[in-house]
N, C-alpha and C. Protein backbone atom coordinates (compact mmCIF):
# COMPACT_ATOMS: atom_id res chain seq x y z
N UNK A 1 -69.33 -4.94 14.31
CA UNK A 1 -68.16 -5.28 13.79
C UNK A 1 -68.08 -6.84 13.97
N UNK A 2 -67.40 -7.44 12.38
CA UNK A 2 -67.68 -8.75 12.08
C UNK A 2 -66.21 -8.93 11.98
N UNK A 3 -65.67 -10.12 11.47
CA UNK A 3 -64.44 -10.71 11.26
C UNK A 3 -63.82 -10.20 10.11
N UNK A 4 -64.07 -9.09 9.28
CA UNK A 4 -63.47 -8.48 8.22
C UNK A 4 -62.49 -7.38 8.60
N UNK A 5 -61.54 -7.21 8.12
CA UNK A 5 -60.72 -5.77 8.24
C UNK A 5 -61.43 -4.54 7.95
N UNK A 6 -61.94 -3.66 8.83
CA UNK A 6 -62.85 -2.56 8.38
C UNK A 6 -61.81 -1.54 7.50
N UNK A 7 -62.74 -0.52 6.86
CA UNK A 7 -62.19 0.30 6.01
C UNK A 7 -61.33 1.05 6.76
N UNK A 8 -60.63 1.81 6.37
CA UNK A 8 -59.58 2.60 7.25
C UNK A 8 -60.57 4.09 7.31
N UNK A 9 -61.21 4.63 6.06
CA UNK A 9 -62.07 5.80 6.17
C UNK A 9 -61.35 7.03 5.72
N UNK A 10 -59.98 6.83 5.79
CA UNK A 10 -59.33 7.82 5.24
C UNK A 10 -57.99 7.79 4.46
N UNK A 11 -57.42 8.40 3.94
CA UNK A 11 -55.76 7.97 3.02
C UNK A 11 -54.71 7.52 4.35
N UNK A 12 -53.90 6.72 3.84
CA UNK A 12 -53.01 6.26 4.78
C UNK A 12 -51.81 7.63 5.21
N UNK A 13 -52.09 8.36 4.21
CA UNK A 13 -51.00 9.55 4.61
C UNK A 13 -51.76 10.67 5.13
N UNK A 14 -52.89 10.81 5.66
CA UNK A 14 -53.94 11.68 6.01
C UNK A 14 -53.36 11.98 7.49
N UNK A 15 -52.90 11.30 8.47
CA UNK A 15 -52.09 11.75 9.75
C UNK A 15 -50.42 11.91 9.69
N UNK A 16 -50.25 12.58 8.21
CA UNK A 16 -48.72 12.58 8.39
C UNK A 16 -48.87 14.53 9.18
N UNK A 17 -47.52 14.52 9.64
CA UNK A 17 -46.20 14.10 10.09
C UNK A 17 -46.57 13.03 10.99
N UNK A 18 -47.46 12.91 11.63
CA UNK A 18 -47.51 11.87 13.04
C UNK A 18 -47.18 10.58 12.80
N UNK A 19 -48.06 10.15 11.81
CA UNK A 19 -47.73 8.78 11.52
C UNK A 19 -47.77 8.72 9.89
N UNK A 20 -46.76 8.54 9.31
CA UNK A 20 -46.49 8.20 7.77
C UNK A 20 -47.44 7.11 7.46
N UNK A 21 -47.58 7.41 5.80
CA UNK A 21 -48.49 6.40 5.10
C UNK A 21 -47.94 4.88 5.15
N UNK A 22 -46.69 4.46 5.23
CA UNK A 22 -46.21 3.55 5.07
C UNK A 22 -46.63 2.65 6.14
N UNK A 23 -46.35 3.38 7.32
CA UNK A 23 -46.63 3.00 8.62
C UNK A 23 -48.02 3.03 8.88
N UNK A 24 -48.98 3.46 8.80
CA UNK A 24 -50.17 3.39 8.48
C UNK A 24 -50.66 2.16 7.84
N UNK A 25 -50.06 2.17 6.45
CA UNK A 25 -50.66 1.05 5.33
C UNK A 25 -50.20 -0.46 6.20
N UNK A 26 -49.18 -0.67 6.82
CA UNK A 26 -48.58 -1.83 6.98
C UNK A 26 -49.58 -2.35 8.87
N UNK A 27 -49.64 -1.40 9.46
CA UNK A 27 -50.24 -1.33 10.53
C UNK A 27 -51.96 -2.08 10.50
N UNK A 28 -52.25 -1.22 9.38
CA UNK A 28 -53.76 -1.67 8.91
C UNK A 28 -54.03 -2.73 8.30
N UNK A 29 -53.42 -3.08 7.12
CA UNK A 29 -53.47 -4.10 6.36
C UNK A 29 -52.56 -5.47 6.92
N UNK A 30 -51.22 -5.27 7.25
CA UNK A 30 -50.84 -6.45 8.15
C UNK A 30 -51.11 -6.73 9.52
N UNK A 31 -50.83 -5.60 10.33
CA UNK A 31 -51.10 -6.06 11.63
C UNK A 31 -52.45 -6.17 12.19
N UNK A 32 -53.41 -5.28 11.55
CA UNK A 32 -54.38 -5.91 12.02
C UNK A 32 -55.11 -7.00 11.49
N UNK A 33 -54.71 -7.05 10.46
CA UNK A 33 -55.30 -8.29 9.34
C UNK A 33 -54.94 -9.40 10.39
N UNK A 34 -53.73 -9.75 10.80
CA UNK A 34 -53.50 -10.49 11.38
C UNK A 34 -54.21 -11.07 12.67
N UNK A 35 -54.29 -9.98 13.19
CA UNK A 35 -55.57 -10.25 14.52
C UNK A 35 -56.73 -11.00 14.45
N UNK A 36 -57.22 -10.46 12.83
CA UNK A 36 -58.42 -11.24 12.46
C UNK A 36 -57.90 -12.92 12.07
N UNK A 37 -57.11 -12.86 11.43
CA UNK A 37 -56.62 -14.18 10.53
C UNK A 37 -56.30 -15.27 11.66
N UNK A 38 -55.79 -14.81 13.00
CA UNK A 38 -55.57 -15.50 13.84
C UNK A 38 -56.51 -16.00 14.71
N UNK A 39 -57.13 -15.02 14.97
CA UNK A 39 -58.92 -15.41 15.63
C UNK A 39 -59.70 -16.44 14.67
N UNK A 40 -59.58 -16.13 13.70
CA UNK A 40 -60.28 -17.02 12.90
C UNK A 40 -59.75 -18.72 12.87
N UNK A 41 -58.19 -18.55 12.78
CA UNK A 41 -57.95 -19.76 12.82
C UNK A 41 -58.18 -20.64 14.16
N UNK A 42 -58.28 -19.80 15.50
CA UNK A 42 -58.56 -20.45 16.64
C UNK A 42 -59.91 -20.52 16.35
N UNK A 43 -60.96 -20.07 16.01
CA UNK A 43 -62.45 -20.54 16.04
C UNK A 43 -62.37 -21.82 14.38
N UNK A 44 -61.74 -21.96 14.02
CA UNK A 44 -62.06 -23.21 12.87
C UNK A 44 -63.12 -24.34 13.43
N UNK A 45 -63.01 -24.46 14.44
CA UNK A 45 -63.71 -25.95 14.96
C UNK A 45 -64.92 -25.18 15.86
N UNK A 46 -65.09 -23.97 15.86
CA UNK A 46 -65.95 -23.68 16.92
C UNK A 46 -66.90 -22.60 16.06
N UNK A 47 -67.97 -23.13 15.05
CA UNK A 47 -68.62 -22.11 14.42
C UNK A 47 -69.60 -21.54 15.15
N UNK A 48 -69.93 -21.73 16.11
CA UNK A 48 -70.69 -21.18 17.17
C UNK A 48 -70.32 -20.17 17.35
N UNK A 49 -68.95 -19.62 18.26
CA UNK A 49 -68.39 -18.85 18.69
C UNK A 49 -68.01 -17.68 17.79
N UNK A 50 -67.62 -18.44 16.44
CA UNK A 50 -67.13 -17.46 15.29
C UNK A 50 -68.47 -16.62 15.20
N UNK A 51 -69.57 -17.02 14.99
CA UNK A 51 -70.89 -16.58 14.64
C UNK A 51 -71.25 -15.57 15.52
N UNK A 52 -70.75 -15.71 17.00
CA UNK A 52 -71.17 -14.47 17.93
C UNK A 52 -70.32 -13.27 17.65
N UNK A 53 -69.34 -13.21 16.86
CA UNK A 53 -68.57 -11.95 16.50
C UNK A 53 -67.32 -11.75 17.40
N UNK A 54 -66.36 -10.81 17.12
CA UNK A 54 -65.69 -10.44 18.04
C UNK A 54 -65.90 -9.79 19.21
N UNK A 55 -66.62 -8.63 19.06
CA UNK A 55 -66.87 -8.08 20.46
C UNK A 55 -67.83 -8.90 21.47
N UNK A 56 -68.53 -10.02 20.79
CA UNK A 56 -69.82 -10.36 21.83
C UNK A 56 -68.41 -11.41 22.63
N UNK A 57 -67.30 -12.07 21.84
CA UNK A 57 -66.08 -12.92 22.26
C UNK A 57 -65.48 -11.98 23.46
N UNK A 58 -65.32 -10.81 23.06
CA UNK A 58 -64.17 -10.20 24.21
C UNK A 58 -64.98 -9.62 25.60
N UNK A 59 -66.43 -9.58 25.18
CA UNK A 59 -66.99 -9.21 26.60
C UNK A 59 -67.56 -10.36 27.41
N UNK A 60 -67.37 -11.88 26.75
CA UNK A 60 -67.98 -12.76 27.45
C UNK A 60 -66.72 -14.27 27.35
N UNK A 61 -65.47 -13.77 27.60
CA UNK A 61 -64.55 -14.64 27.58
C UNK A 61 -64.65 -15.96 27.91
N UNK A 62 -65.40 -15.76 29.30
CA UNK A 62 -65.47 -17.14 30.00
C UNK A 62 -66.67 -18.15 29.11
N UNK A 63 -67.16 -17.63 28.02
CA UNK A 63 -67.86 -18.79 27.29
C UNK A 63 -66.86 -19.35 26.27
N UNK A 64 -65.59 -18.81 25.99
CA UNK A 64 -64.61 -19.39 25.20
C UNK A 64 -63.66 -20.54 26.00
N UNK A 65 -63.88 -21.49 25.03
CA UNK A 65 -63.19 -22.97 25.77
C UNK A 65 -61.39 -22.41 26.41
N UNK A 66 -61.21 -22.85 27.24
CA UNK A 66 -59.72 -22.29 27.91
C UNK A 66 -58.69 -22.55 27.22
N UNK A 67 -58.56 -23.57 26.48
CA UNK A 67 -57.62 -23.94 25.64
C UNK A 67 -57.27 -22.95 24.21
N UNK A 68 -58.25 -22.02 23.94
CA UNK A 68 -58.36 -20.75 23.00
C UNK A 68 -58.61 -19.44 23.58
N UNK A 69 -58.68 -19.79 25.01
CA UNK A 69 -59.04 -18.13 25.36
C UNK A 69 -58.41 -17.02 25.61
N UNK A 70 -56.95 -17.37 25.75
CA UNK A 70 -55.87 -16.46 25.60
C UNK A 70 -55.72 -15.87 24.38
N UNK A 71 -55.87 -16.64 23.40
CA UNK A 71 -55.53 -16.18 21.87
C UNK A 71 -56.52 -15.50 21.33
N UNK A 72 -58.04 -15.81 21.81
CA UNK A 72 -58.93 -15.27 21.44
C UNK A 72 -58.99 -13.79 22.04
N UNK A 73 -58.66 -13.67 23.19
CA UNK A 73 -58.31 -12.40 24.10
C UNK A 73 -57.74 -11.39 23.27
N UNK A 74 -56.71 -12.06 22.82
CA UNK A 74 -55.55 -11.32 22.46
C UNK A 74 -55.84 -10.72 20.93
N UNK A 75 -56.15 -11.90 20.35
CA UNK A 75 -56.30 -11.55 18.90
C UNK A 75 -57.82 -10.88 18.32
N UNK A 76 -58.97 -11.26 19.06
CA UNK A 76 -60.23 -10.95 18.87
C UNK A 76 -60.30 -9.54 19.62
N UNK A 77 -59.47 -9.23 20.43
CA UNK A 77 -59.77 -8.10 21.38
C UNK A 77 -58.72 -7.11 20.57
N UNK A 78 -57.42 -7.51 19.95
CA UNK A 78 -56.87 -6.82 19.42
C UNK A 78 -57.45 -6.37 18.05
N UNK A 79 -58.19 -7.25 17.74
CA UNK A 79 -59.40 -6.85 16.30
C UNK A 79 -60.38 -5.65 16.95
N UNK A 80 -60.95 -5.73 17.93
CA UNK A 80 -61.99 -4.84 18.22
C UNK A 80 -61.15 -3.73 18.88
N UNK A 81 -60.15 -3.65 19.29
CA UNK A 81 -59.40 -2.33 19.93
C UNK A 81 -58.85 -1.43 18.58
N UNK A 82 -58.12 -2.00 17.35
CA UNK A 82 -57.74 -1.45 16.27
C UNK A 82 -58.89 -1.06 15.56
N UNK A 83 -60.21 -1.86 15.45
CA UNK A 83 -61.24 -1.20 15.02
C UNK A 83 -61.78 -0.04 15.27
N UNK A 84 -61.59 0.54 16.88
CA UNK A 84 -61.68 1.44 17.57
C UNK A 84 -60.67 2.24 17.23
N UNK A 85 -59.39 2.04 17.31
CA UNK A 85 -58.09 2.88 17.40
C UNK A 85 -58.16 3.77 15.92
N UNK A 86 -58.55 2.81 14.97
CA UNK A 86 -58.93 3.93 13.73
C UNK A 86 -59.77 5.08 13.51
N UNK A 87 -60.79 4.91 14.34
CA UNK A 87 -61.73 5.58 14.14
C UNK A 87 -61.44 6.97 15.25
N UNK A 88 -60.75 6.80 16.39
CA UNK A 88 -60.35 7.74 17.34
C UNK A 88 -59.21 8.33 16.80
N UNK A 89 -58.28 8.12 16.07
CA UNK A 89 -57.26 8.58 15.40
C UNK A 89 -57.36 9.40 14.27
N UNK A 90 -58.76 9.42 13.62
CA UNK A 90 -59.24 9.57 12.15
C UNK A 90 -58.71 11.07 12.43
N UNK A 91 -58.45 11.81 11.12
CA UNK A 91 -57.98 13.19 10.93
C UNK A 91 -59.49 14.19 11.49
N UNK A 92 -60.60 13.41 11.30
CA UNK A 92 -61.94 14.03 11.62
C UNK A 92 -62.39 13.65 12.84
N UNK A 93 -61.45 13.22 13.55
CA UNK A 93 -62.45 12.54 14.92
C UNK A 93 -62.50 13.62 16.32
N UNK A 94 -62.02 14.94 15.88
CA UNK A 94 -61.98 15.78 17.07
C UNK A 94 -60.91 15.85 17.84
N UNK A 95 -59.94 14.66 18.02
CA UNK A 95 -59.13 14.55 18.90
C UNK A 95 -57.82 15.38 17.93
N UNK A 96 -56.85 15.76 19.12
CA UNK A 96 -55.78 16.20 18.21
C UNK A 96 -54.67 16.03 19.24
N UNK A 97 -53.56 15.57 18.65
CA UNK A 97 -52.40 15.18 19.16
C UNK A 97 -51.82 16.08 20.23
N UNK A 98 -52.20 17.29 19.63
CA UNK A 98 -51.24 18.49 20.66
C UNK A 98 -52.36 18.58 21.75
N UNK A 99 -53.40 18.12 21.72
CA UNK A 99 -54.46 18.11 22.95
C UNK A 99 -53.59 17.62 24.03
N UNK A 100 -53.30 16.26 23.86
CA UNK A 100 -52.95 14.98 25.00
C UNK A 100 -52.15 15.73 25.96
N UNK A 101 -51.20 16.53 25.85
CA UNK A 101 -50.36 16.83 27.18
C UNK A 101 -51.11 18.10 27.75
N UNK A 102 -52.34 18.88 27.04
CA UNK A 102 -52.98 19.73 27.77
C UNK A 102 -53.97 18.99 28.64
N UNK A 103 -54.45 18.08 28.30
CA UNK A 103 -55.59 17.18 28.77
C UNK A 103 -54.84 16.30 29.88
N UNK A 104 -53.57 15.58 29.97
CA UNK A 104 -52.93 14.93 30.87
C UNK A 104 -52.56 16.02 32.18
N UNK A 105 -52.31 17.20 31.75
CA UNK A 105 -51.88 18.25 33.05
C UNK A 105 -53.00 18.68 33.66
N UNK A 106 -54.21 18.76 32.90
CA UNK A 106 -55.26 19.07 33.30
C UNK A 106 -55.74 17.99 34.35
N UNK A 107 -55.80 16.50 33.97
CA UNK A 107 -56.26 15.54 34.78
C UNK A 107 -55.53 15.36 35.87
N UNK A 108 -54.13 15.43 35.67
CA UNK A 108 -52.85 15.02 36.62
C UNK A 108 -51.98 15.91 37.49
N UNK A 109 -52.04 16.76 36.69
CA UNK A 109 -51.27 18.09 37.36
C UNK A 109 -50.07 18.32 36.17
N UNK A 110 -49.63 17.35 35.83
CA UNK A 110 -48.33 17.16 35.44
C UNK A 110 -48.43 15.83 34.46
N UNK A 111 -47.01 15.91 33.40
CA UNK A 111 -46.59 14.98 32.79
C UNK A 111 -46.09 13.65 33.93
N UNK A 112 -45.36 14.40 34.78
CA UNK A 112 -44.46 13.29 35.64
C UNK A 112 -45.29 12.95 36.74
N UNK A 113 -46.40 13.63 37.12
CA UNK A 113 -47.47 13.25 38.02
C UNK A 113 -48.15 12.02 37.26
N UNK A 114 -48.65 12.28 36.13
CA UNK A 114 -49.39 11.34 35.14
C UNK A 114 -48.38 9.63 35.33
N UNK A 115 -47.24 9.93 34.87
CA UNK A 115 -46.42 8.89 34.67
C UNK A 115 -46.14 8.16 36.24
N UNK A 116 -46.26 8.73 37.69
CA UNK A 116 -45.74 8.24 38.75
C UNK A 116 -47.22 7.50 39.02
N UNK A 117 -48.53 8.23 38.76
CA UNK A 117 -49.95 7.55 38.86
C UNK A 117 -50.05 6.35 38.25
N UNK A 118 -49.65 6.08 36.76
CA UNK A 118 -49.55 5.02 35.79
C UNK A 118 -48.97 4.05 36.16
N UNK A 119 -47.64 4.58 36.66
CA UNK A 119 -46.61 3.08 37.08
C UNK A 119 -46.95 2.75 38.44
N UNK A 120 -47.63 3.29 39.26
CA UNK A 120 -48.43 3.06 40.80
C UNK A 120 -49.49 2.04 40.29
N UNK A 121 -50.50 2.34 39.69
CA UNK A 121 -51.74 1.70 39.29
C UNK A 121 -51.19 0.43 38.40
N UNK A 122 -50.24 0.43 37.73
CA UNK A 122 -50.05 -1.00 36.95
C UNK A 122 -48.64 -1.67 37.79
N UNK A 123 -48.60 -1.51 38.83
CA UNK A 123 -47.54 -2.18 39.59
C UNK A 123 -45.72 -1.94 38.92
N UNK A 124 -45.87 -0.68 38.35
CA UNK A 124 -44.30 -0.84 37.64
C UNK A 124 -43.62 0.20 38.87
N UNK A 125 -44.11 0.79 39.66
CA UNK A 125 -43.25 1.79 40.56
C UNK A 125 -42.40 1.10 41.67
């Protein structure tokens, strides 16, 4: 993964009715691109870090100067996460939105139990 917006690999309308084409287009071309632009701006005075690439920086945030570390975590991390996200929600990814409740029930017993465990794990309970 480099510092360029990866192609979506499918039409913006491919996930309708779950995600409409306009939402996908905005999220891909504006939101995801903003992560890349912000990270590159933070790295303008750090060509050595820029050359390492987003995944390497996210894996080794301790090597990023503290003054830009949070921004790199948020923006390079957002870029890495979104590049992964576009692949796993792809129409041919093998995943199905309809399978989610079934998988949650299999793993946690029920949606309610999942919510309880999630809240407990994240200090929200």
